[in-house]
Amino acid sequence: MGQIETENRPLVGYSILFLGILFGFSSVFAGSST
């Protein structure tokens, strides 16, 4: 069970990182549009 936890942690981190980058790109794109 402990192995699954350590294996799942990086996945969550990447998900948050990807969300942050996506949100940042969206913000920049929206700012450029206006």
PDB file of N, CA and C in Angstrom:
ATOM      1  N   MET A   1       0.839  -1.204   0.000  1.00  0.00           N
ATOM      2  CA  MET A   1       0.000   0.000   0.000  1.00  0.00           C
ATOM      3  C   MET A   1       0.875   1.256   0.000  1.00  0.00           C
ATOM      4  N   GLY A   2       1.993   1.174   0.737  1.00  0.00           N
ATOM      5  CA  GLY A   2       2.883   2.328   0.797  1.00  0.00           C
ATOM      6  C   GLY A   2       3.509   2.643  -0.557  1.00  0.00           C
ATOM      7  N   GLN A   3       3.711   1.573  -1.343  1.00  0.00           N
ATOM      8  CA  GLN A   3       4.316   1.772  -2.666  1.00  0.00           C
ATOM      9  C   GLN A   3       3.375   2.566  -3.580  1.00  0.00           C
ATOM     10  N   ILE A   4       2.097   2.263  -3.481  1.00  0.00           N
ATOM     11  CA  ILE A   4       1.115   2.946  -4.338  1.00  0.00           C
ATOM     12  C   ILE A   4       1.064   4.432  -3.970  1.00  0.00           C
ATOM     13  N   GLU A   5       1.212   4.715  -2.674  1.00  0.00           N
ATOM     14  CA  GLU A   5       1.138   6.103  -2.216  1.00  0.00           C
ATOM     15  C   GLU A   5       2.296   6.917  -2.789  1.00  0.00           C
ATOM     16  N   THR A   6       3.490   6.365  -2.732  1.00  0.00           N
ATOM     17  CA  THR A   6       4.667   7.074  -3.236  1.00  0.00           C
ATOM     18  C   THR A   6       4.627   7.173  -4.758  1.00  0.00           C
ATOM     19  N   GLU A   7       3.984   6.193  -5.383  1.00  0.00           N
ATOM     20  CA  GLU A   7       3.911   6.190  -6.843  1.00  0.00           C
ATOM     21  C   GLU A   7       2.836   7.162  -7.337  1.00  0.00           C
ATOM     22  N   ASN A   8       1.884   7.452  -6.472  1.00  0.00           N
ATOM     23  CA  ASN A   8       0.768   8.315  -6.860  1.00  0.00           C
ATOM     24  C   ASN A   8       1.085   9.781  -6.578  1.00  0.00           C
ATOM     25  N   ARG A   9       2.022  10.020  -5.674  1.00  0.00           N
ATOM     26  CA  ARG A   9       2.321  11.401  -5.276  1.00  0.00           C
ATOM     27  C   ARG A   9       2.838  12.250  -6.445  1.00  0.00           C
ATOM     28  N   PRO A  10       3.834  11.786  -7.206  1.00  0.00           N
ATOM     29  CA  PRO A  10       4.346  12.584  -8.340  1.00  0.00           C
ATOM     30  C   PRO A  10       3.267  12.874  -9.368  1.00  0.00           C
ATOM     31  N   LEU A  11       2.335  11.931  -9.519  1.00  0.00           N
ATOM     32  CA  LEU A  11       1.261  12.113 -10.498  1.00  0.00           C
ATOM     33  C   LEU A  11       0.407  13.307 -10.106  1.00  0.00           C
ATOM     34  N   VAL A  12       0.109  13.415  -8.812  1.00  0.00           N
ATOM     35  CA  VAL A  12      -0.703  14.539  -8.320  1.00  0.00           C
ATOM     36  C   VAL A  12       0.064  15.844  -8.489  1.00  0.00           C
ATOM     37  N   GLY A  13       1.374  15.788  -8.221  1.00  0.00           N
ATOM     38  CA  GLY A  13       2.200  16.988  -8.357  1.00  0.00           C
ATOM     39  C   GLY A  13       2.227  17.480  -9.793  1.00  0.00           C
ATOM     40  N   TYR A  14       2.368  16.533 -10.719  1.00  0.00           N
ATOM     41  CA  TYR A  14       2.388  16.899 -12.137  1.00  0.00           C
ATOM     42  C   TYR A  14       1.050  17.469 -12.577  1.00  0.00           C
ATOM     43  N   SER A  15      -0.026  16.918 -12.001  1.00  0.00           N
ATOM     44  CA  SER A  15      -1.374  17.388 -12.343  1.00  0.00           C
ATOM     45  C   SER A  15      -1.539  18.847 -11.926  1.00  0.00           C
ATOM     46  N   ILE A  16      -1.078  19.152 -10.691  1.00  0.00           N
ATOM     47  CA  ILE A  16      -1.191  20.525 -10.184  1.00  0.00           C
ATOM     48  C   ILE A  16      -0.305  21.448 -11.006  1.00  0.00           C
ATOM     49  N   LEU A  17       0.893  20.964 -11.350  1.00  0.00           N
ATOM     50  CA  LEU A  17       1.823  21.770 -12.143  1.00  0.00           C
ATOM     51  C   LEU A  17       1.231  22.063 -13.518  1.00  0.00           C
ATOM     52  N   PHE A  18       0.651  21.023 -14.133  1.00  0.00           N
ATOM     53  CA  PHE A  18       0.048  21.185 -15.456  1.00  0.00           C
ATOM     54  C   PHE A  18      -1.115  22.157 -15.397  1.00  0.00           C
ATOM     55  N   LEU A  19      -1.906  22.057 -14.329  1.00  0.00           N
ATOM     56  CA  LEU A  19      -3.053  22.963 -14.158  1.00  0.00           C
ATOM     57  C   LEU A  19      -2.565  24.400 -14.012  1.00  0.00           C
ATOM     58  N   GLY A  20      -1.493  24.571 -13.250  1.00  0.00           N
ATOM     59  CA  GLY A  20      -0.951  25.908 -13.039  1.00  0.00           C
ATOM     60  C   GLY A  20      -0.430  26.512 -14.336  1.00  0.00           C
ATOM     61  N   ILE A  21       0.287  25.714 -15.112  1.00  0.00           N
ATOM     62  CA  ILE A  21       0.819  26.192 -16.395  1.00  0.00           C
ATOM     63  C   ILE A  21      -0.321  26.520 -17.346  1.00  0.00           C
ATOM     64  N   LEU A  22      -1.337  25.653 -17.369  1.00  0.00           N
ATOM     65  CA  LEU A  22      -2.484  25.863 -18.254  1.00  0.00           C
ATOM     66  C   LEU A  22      -3.202  27.148 -17.867  1.00  0.00           C
ATOM     67  N   PHE A  23      -3.371  27.350 -16.566  1.00  0.00           N
ATOM     68  CA  PHE A  23      -4.053  28.562 -16.091  1.00  0.00           C
ATOM     69  C   PHE A  23      -3.237  29.801 -16.435  1.00  0.00           C
ATOM     70  N   GLY A  24      -1.918  29.686 -16.314  1.00  0.00           N
ATOM     71  CA  GLY A  24      -1.042  30.813 -16.631  1.00  0.00           C
ATOM     72  C   GLY A  24      -1.114  31.162 -18.111  1.00  0.00           C
ATOM     73  N   PHE A  25      -1.086  30.134 -18.954  1.00  0.00           N
ATOM     74  CA  PHE A  25      -1.168  30.358 -20.396  1.00  0.00           C
ATOM     75  C   PHE A  25      -2.496  30.995 -20.766  1.00  0.00           C
ATOM     76  N   SER A  26      -3.567  30.523 -20.118  1.00  0.00           N
ATOM     77  CA  SER A  26      -4.908  31.058 -20.385  1.00  0.00           C
ATOM     78  C   SER A  26      -4.953  32.540 -20.006  1.00  0.00           C
ATOM     79  N   SER A  27      -4.332  32.863 -18.870  1.00  0.00           N
ATOM     80  CA  SER A  27      -4.323  34.249 -18.395  1.00  0.00           C
ATOM     81  C   SER A  27      -3.572  35.138 -19.385  1.00  0.00           C
ATOM     82  N   VAL A  28      -2.420  34.656 -19.849  1.00  0.00           N
ATOM     83  CA  VAL A  28      -1.606  35.435 -20.793  1.00  0.00           C
ATOM     84  C   VAL A  28      -2.345  35.586 -22.120  1.00  0.00           C
ATOM     85  N   PHE A  29      -2.964  34.500 -22.565  1.00  0.00           N
ATOM     86  CA  PHE A  29      -3.687  34.520 -23.838  1.00  0.00           C
ATOM     87  C   PHE A  29      -4.872  35.478 -23.762  1.00  0.00           C
ATOM     88  N   ALA A  30      -5.585  35.452 -22.639  1.00  0.00           N
ATOM     89  CA  ALA A  30      -6.745  36.336 -22.455  1.00  0.00           C
ATOM     90  C   ALA A  30      -6.276  37.787 -22.389  1.00  0.00           C
ATOM     91  N   GLY A  31      -5.141  38.028 -21.754  1.00  0.00           N
ATOM     92  CA  GLY A  31      -4.618  39.381 -21.643  1.00  0.00           C
ATOM     93  C   GLY A  31      -4.166  39.909 -22.988  1.00  0.00           C
ATOM     94  N   SER A  32      -3.620  39.027 -23.815  1.00  0.00           N
ATOM     95  CA  SER A  32      -3.163  39.434 -25.145  1.00  0.00           C
ATOM     96  C   SER A  32      -4.353  39.717 -26.056  1.00  0.00           C
ATOM     97  N   SER A  33      -5.431  38.982 -25.848  1.00  0.00           N
ATOM     98  CA  SER A  33      -6.618  39.134 -26.695  1.00  0.00           C
ATOM     99  C   SER A  33      -7.264  40.490 -26.461  1.00  0.00           C
ATOM    100  N   THR A  34      -7.291  40.892 -25.206  1.00  0.00           N
ATOM    101  CA  THR A  34      -7.982  42.156 -24.905  1.00  0.00           C
ATOM    102  C   THR A  34      -7.107  43.306 -25.201  1.00  0.00           C
TER     103      THR A  34
END
